[in-house]
Protein backbone atom coordinates (compact mmCIF):
# COMPACT_ATOMS: atom_id res chain seq x y z
CA UNK A 1 12.13 39.04 -2.33
CA UNK A 2 10.52 36.39 -0.92
CA UNK A 3 12.51 32.93 -0.12
CA UNK A 4 11.82 29.58 -1.38
CA UNK A 5 11.10 28.29 2.42
CA UNK A 6 8.61 30.92 2.52
CA UNK A 7 6.55 29.86 -0.55
CA UNK A 8 6.61 26.08 0.55
CA UNK A 9 5.49 26.99 3.65
CA UNK A 10 2.63 29.13 2.86
CA UNK A 11 2.11 25.97 -0.37
CA UNK A 12 1.73 23.77 2.48
CA UNK A 13 -0.77 25.86 4.83
CA UNK A 14 -3.03 26.55 1.57
CA UNK A 15 -2.85 24.28 -0.72
CA UNK A 16 -2.06 26.79 -3.34
CA UNK A 17 0.18 26.11 -6.36
CA UNK A 18 3.79 27.38 -6.19
CA UNK A 19 3.10 30.43 -8.44
CA UNK A 20 0.31 31.79 -6.92
CA UNK A 21 1.80 31.40 -3.29
CA UNK A 22 4.51 33.07 -4.57
CA UNK A 23 2.99 36.07 -6.08
CA UNK A 24 0.61 36.47 -3.08
CA UNK A 25 3.54 36.62 -0.93
CA UNK A 26 5.21 39.20 -2.88
CA UNK A 27 2.07 41.74 -2.57
CA UNK A 28 1.99 40.82 0.94
CA UNK A 29 5.43 42.34 1.03
CA UNK A 30 6.50 38.67 2.93
CA UNK A 31 3.66 38.78 5.46
CA UNK A 32 2.73 35.28 5.30
CA UNK A 33 -1.12 36.15 7.13
CA UNK A 34 -1.34 38.49 4.49
CA UNK A 35 -0.71 36.73 2.00
CA UNK A 36 -2.99 33.71 3.48
CA UNK A 37 -6.06 35.94 3.19
CA UNK A 38 -5.23 37.11 -0.61
CA UNK A 39 -5.17 33.90 -1.53
CA UNK A 40 -8.38 32.61 0.23
CA UNK A 41 -10.10 35.78 -0.99
CA UNK A 42 -9.39 35.09 -4.84
CA UNK A 43 -10.11 31.23 -4.38
CA UNK A 44 -6.89 29.32 -4.42
CA UNK A 45 -6.42 28.42 -1.13
CA UNK A 46 -9.28 25.88 -2.00
CA UNK A 47 -7.20 22.73 -1.34
CA UNK A 48 -6.82 23.39 2.05
CA UNK A 49 -10.64 22.60 3.04
CA UNK A 50 -10.22 19.06 0.98
CA UNK A 51 -7.35 17.62 3.32
CA UNK A 52 -10.72 16.23 6.07
CA UNK A 53 -12.26 14.74 3.19
CA UNK A 54 -12.06 11.01 2.74
CA UNK A 55 -9.58 9.80 0.25
CA UNK A 56 -10.30 5.81 0.09
CA UNK A 57 -10.05 5.61 -3.70
CA UNK A 58 -6.74 5.69 -5.63
CA UNK A 59 -4.01 4.02 -7.50
CA UNK A 60 -1.61 1.37 -6.86
CA UNK A 61 1.82 1.69 -8.28
CA UNK A 62 4.20 -1.38 -8.97
CA UNK A 63 8.04 -1.16 -9.74
CA UNK A 64 10.58 -3.76 -10.25
CA UNK A 65 14.57 -3.43 -10.99
CA UNK A 66 14.95 -6.79 -12.59
CA UNK A 67 15.08 -8.99 -9.78
CA UNK A 68 17.01 -6.86 -7.11
CA UNK A 69 14.31 -4.42 -6.10
CA UNK A 70 10.89 -3.41 -6.25
CA UNK A 71 8.68 -0.60 -4.90
CA UNK A 72 4.64 -0.46 -4.22
CA UNK A 73 3.31 3.26 -3.97
CA UNK A 74 -0.25 3.94 -3.00
CA UNK A 75 -1.50 7.46 -4.04
CA UNK A 76 -5.00 8.30 -2.62
CA UNK A 77 -7.90 10.33 -4.08
CA UNK A 78 -11.66 10.63 -3.06
CA UNK A 79 -13.28 8.99 -6.40
CA UNK A 80 -12.55 6.40 -8.98
CA UNK A 81 -12.77 9.07 -11.23
CA UNK A 82 -10.15 11.06 -10.52
CA UNK A 83 -8.19 7.32 -9.87
CA UNK A 84 -8.41 6.90 -13.60
CA UNK A 85 -6.99 10.17 -14.52
CA UNK A 86 -3.73 9.51 -16.66
CA UNK A 87 -2.29 12.62 -15.09
CA UNK A 88 -2.56 10.54 -11.43
CA UNK A 89 -1.62 7.12 -12.71
CA UNK A 90 1.01 8.16 -14.39
CA UNK A 91 2.08 10.27 -10.86
CA UNK A 92 1.75 6.80 -9.43
CA UNK A 93 4.01 5.11 -11.46
CA UNK A 94 6.94 7.93 -11.89
CA UNK A 95 6.91 7.69 -7.48
CA UNK A 96 6.97 3.83 -7.71
CA UNK A 97 9.75 4.17 -10.05
CA UNK A 98 11.78 6.77 -8.22
CA UNK A 99 11.43 4.65 -4.81
CA UNK A 100 12.39 1.71 -6.33
CA UNK A 101 15.75 3.09 -7.85
CA UNK A 102 16.52 5.50 -5.03
CA UNK A 103 14.88 4.07 -1.85
CA UNK A 104 11.68 5.40 0.12
CA UNK A 105 13.19 8.53 0.88
CA UNK A 106 12.74 9.83 -3.20
CA UNK A 107 9.04 10.34 -2.33
CA UNK A 108 9.91 13.80 -1.11
CA UNK A 109 10.53 14.87 -4.40
CA UNK A 110 6.83 14.60 -5.09
CA UNK A 111 5.24 16.52 -2.75
CA UNK A 112 4.75 19.97 -4.76
CA UNK A 113 3.33 17.37 -7.84
CA UNK A 114 1.08 15.94 -5.35
CA UNK A 115 0.33 19.26 -3.86
CA UNK A 116 -0.46 20.65 -7.95
CA UNK A 117 -2.56 17.39 -8.16
CA UNK A 118 -4.55 18.32 -5.35
CA UNK A 119 -5.23 21.93 -7.06
CA UNK A 120 -5.84 20.46 -10.47
CA UNK A 121 -8.19 17.74 -9.88
CA UNK A 122 -9.76 19.19 -6.78
CA UNK A 123 -9.95 16.24 -4.50
CA UNK A 124 -7.58 15.38 -1.37
CA UNK A 125 -5.10 13.68 -2.90
CA UNK A 126 -2.04 12.22 -0.65
CA UNK A 127 0.35 9.46 -0.60
CA UNK A 128 -0.45 6.35 1.08
CA UNK A 129 1.89 3.19 1.76
CA UNK A 130 4.87 2.83 0.39
CA UNK A 131 6.88 -0.34 0.37
CA UNK A 132 10.56 -0.99 -1.03
CA UNK A 133 11.88 -4.32 -0.96
CA UNK A 134 16.11 -4.74 -2.06
CA UNK A 135 17.49 -8.30 -2.22
CA UNK A 136 21.00 -9.42 -1.43
CA UNK A 137 23.31 -11.75 -3.41
CA UNK A 138 21.24 -15.38 -3.79
CA UNK A 139 17.78 -12.88 -3.43
CA UNK A 140 15.29 -11.96 -6.00
CA UNK A 141 12.29 -9.88 -5.80
CA UNK A 142 9.19 -9.77 -7.72
CA UNK A 143 5.91 -8.56 -7.71
CA UNK A 144 2.28 -8.65 -9.16
CA UNK A 145 0.29 -5.81 -9.87
CA UNK A 146 -3.70 -6.30 -10.79
CA UNK A 147 -5.09 -3.35 -13.08
CA UNK A 148 -8.57 -2.47 -13.06
CA UNK A 149 -10.05 0.26 -15.17
CA UNK A 150 -6.71 1.68 -16.11
CA UNK A 151 -5.37 1.74 -12.96
CA UNK A 152 -3.57 -0.77 -10.49
CA UNK A 153 -5.66 -1.73 -7.36
CA UNK A 154 -3.84 -4.87 -5.77
CA UNK A 155 0.16 -4.93 -5.99
CA UNK A 156 2.33 -7.73 -3.89
CA UNK A 157 6.37 -7.60 -3.48
CA UNK A 158 7.63 -11.01 -2.67
CA UNK A 159 11.46 -11.09 -1.64
CA UNK A 160 12.69 -14.99 -2.02
CA UNK A 161 15.96 -16.54 -1.16
CA UNK A 162 17.42 -19.46 -2.82
CA UNK A 163 14.35 -19.04 -5.72
CA UNK A 164 13.90 -17.71 -8.94
CA UNK A 165 12.36 -14.61 -9.98
CA UNK A 166 9.66 -17.25 -11.69
CA UNK A 167 8.74 -18.48 -8.34
CA UNK A 168 8.46 -15.40 -6.67
CA UNK A 169 5.73 -13.77 -8.85
CA UNK A 170 4.03 -17.06 -9.05
CA UNK A 171 3.56 -16.30 -4.97
CA UNK A 172 3.16 -12.57 -5.59
CA UNK A 173 0.27 -13.68 -7.91
CA UNK A 174 -1.25 -15.91 -5.15
CA UNK A 175 -0.90 -13.77 -2.22
CA UNK A 176 -2.76 -10.95 -4.12
CA UNK A 177 -5.92 -13.21 -4.35
CA UNK A 178 -5.40 -15.16 -1.23
CA UNK A 179 -4.53 -12.26 0.72
CA UNK A 180 -2.57 -14.03 3.70
CA UNK A 181 -2.02 -11.67 6.89
CA UNK A 182 1.16 -13.96 7.99
CA UNK A 183 3.87 -15.53 6.60
CA UNK A 184 3.87 -18.81 8.84
CA UNK A 185 2.22 -19.95 11.96
CA UNK A 186 4.85 -18.35 14.35
CA UNK A 187 3.98 -14.87 13.56
CA UNK A 188 0.46 -15.17 14.04
CA UNK A 189 -0.27 -13.80 17.59
CA UNK A 190 -0.37 -15.52 20.40
CA UNK A 191 -3.81 -13.37 21.35
CA UNK A 192 -4.98 -14.10 18.37
CA UNK A 193 -4.81 -17.99 18.24
CA UNK A 194 -6.33 -18.15 21.78
CA UNK A 195 -9.10 -16.25 20.46
CA UNK A 196 -9.91 -18.23 17.98
CA UNK A 197 -9.29 -21.39 20.11
CA UNK A 198 -12.02 -19.75 22.44
CA UNK A 199 -14.64 -19.13 19.51
CA UNK A 200 -13.93 -22.56 18.17
CA UNK A 201 -14.44 -24.31 21.54
CA UNK A 202 -17.69 -22.16 22.39
CA UNK A 203 -19.06 -22.72 19.21
CA UNK A 204 -18.54 -26.86 19.12
CA UNK A 205 -20.02 -26.59 22.58
CA UNK A 206 -22.82 -24.95 21.56
CA UNK A 207 -23.67 -26.96 18.65
CA UNK A 208 -24.12 -29.97 21.16
CA UNK A 209 -20.62 -31.52 20.40
CA UNK A 210 -19.74 -34.12 23.30
CA UNK A 211 -17.22 -32.66 25.56
CA UNK A 212 -14.67 -35.82 24.68
CA UNK A 213 -14.39 -34.62 21.22
CA UNK A 214 -13.91 -30.86 21.73
CA UNK A 215 -9.97 -30.67 21.63
CA UNK A 216 -9.69 -32.48 18.62
CA UNK A 217 -12.66 -30.57 16.88
CA UNK A 218 -10.80 -27.26 17.68
CA UNK A 219 -7.42 -28.48 16.54
CA UNK A 220 -9.05 -29.22 13.04
CA UNK A 221 -10.59 -25.67 12.91
CA UNK A 222 -7.45 -24.39 14.28
CA UNK A 223 -5.50 -25.66 10.89
CA UNK A 224 -8.17 -24.43 9.06
CA UNK A 225 -7.60 -20.99 10.36
CA UNK A 226 -4.28 -21.80 9.85
CA UNK A 227 -4.57 -22.20 6.15
CA UNK A 228 -6.44 -19.29 5.83
CA UNK A 229 -4.34 -16.72 7.32
CA UNK A 230 -0.66 -18.01 6.54
CA UNK A 231 1.12 -18.15 3.23
CA UNK A 232 3.12 -21.01 3.63
CA UNK A 233 -0.32 -22.96 4.75
CA UNK A 234 -2.03 -22.01 2.04
CA UNK A 235 -3.35 -23.69 -1.16
CA UNK A 236 -1.13 -22.55 -4.26
CA UNK A 237 -4.13 -20.57 -6.61
CA UNK A 238 -2.86 -22.63 -9.43
CA UNK A 239 -2.42 -25.90 -7.98
CA UNK A 240 -5.10 -26.13 -4.79
CA UNK A 241 -3.18 -29.95 -4.30
CA UNK A 242 0.13 -28.08 -3.41
CA UNK A 243 0.56 -25.57 -0.14
CA UNK A 244 3.13 -22.68 -0.94
CA UNK A 245 5.47 -24.54 1.32
CA UNK A 246 5.43 -27.68 -0.95
CA UNK A 247 6.29 -25.07 -3.90
CA UNK A 248 9.02 -23.27 -2.20
CA UNK A 249 11.70 -26.91 -2.64
CA UNK A 250 14.27 -25.40 -0.75
CA UNK A 251 13.39 -21.61 -1.30
CA UNK A 252 12.86 -19.70 1.66
CA UNK A 253 10.29 -16.88 1.40
CA UNK A 254 12.31 -13.46 3.17
CA UNK A 255 8.90 -11.49 3.68
CA UNK A 256 6.02 -10.03 1.01
CA UNK A 257 3.99 -6.84 1.15
CA UNK A 258 0.61 -6.60 -0.22
CA UNK A 259 -1.29 -3.47 -0.37
CA UNK A 260 -4.72 -2.75 -1.91
CA UNK A 261 -7.27 -0.13 -3.02
CA UNK A 262 -9.67 -0.07 0.12
CA UNK A 263 -8.02 -2.55 2.53
């Protein structure tokens, strides 16, 4: 009689399905090395060869629990053909729903399901990024999912204090298309700011700008840099006359996250 832990260990090592791993272990009398050889001889360990292949495609799922919590899950694969497969997309959605409800540890329940997908779809399939936000009293969580070719490709979560779910959704929609890297200027690393400053100064000098004007030119270009990378400084995609900071009207963004295929 082989143990469940032995079967799981053999599955992880070979990528074989549960029943195949169990049968091989029983046939090998519990000898893991012999069982592995049996699986390979029968072509049932082929998934193990896929783990080194690039999995730059995939599907992203978003799950929201009212305004209280939300989760983003990225399930990665090799081709967009598999990324659009119904079983693949459904699995990503199920994992996201479980994470939103039970927390990030819920992904552990799906390890064997992902391994089975590797075998059935014959690609290097793996769990990618997992994000979960939960709101406290007086806070909301909302999000936005951009769907393309029947699967999610770009998901955003926004955690807001003192604002509405509708506002959080609007900000999430903005983030999806504006792709800020930081919430505020305070979050931008000092080294990155100095690197940009040096680049702007060198560029201005190279173009023949007068020395006396360099400081003002550099500061102006830094303002543009902040508008590109900082969420609070960006012009709202639905109304470019308003910055995100102006849109808040007393609310505060606690945090945001964006997960996008290929980035």
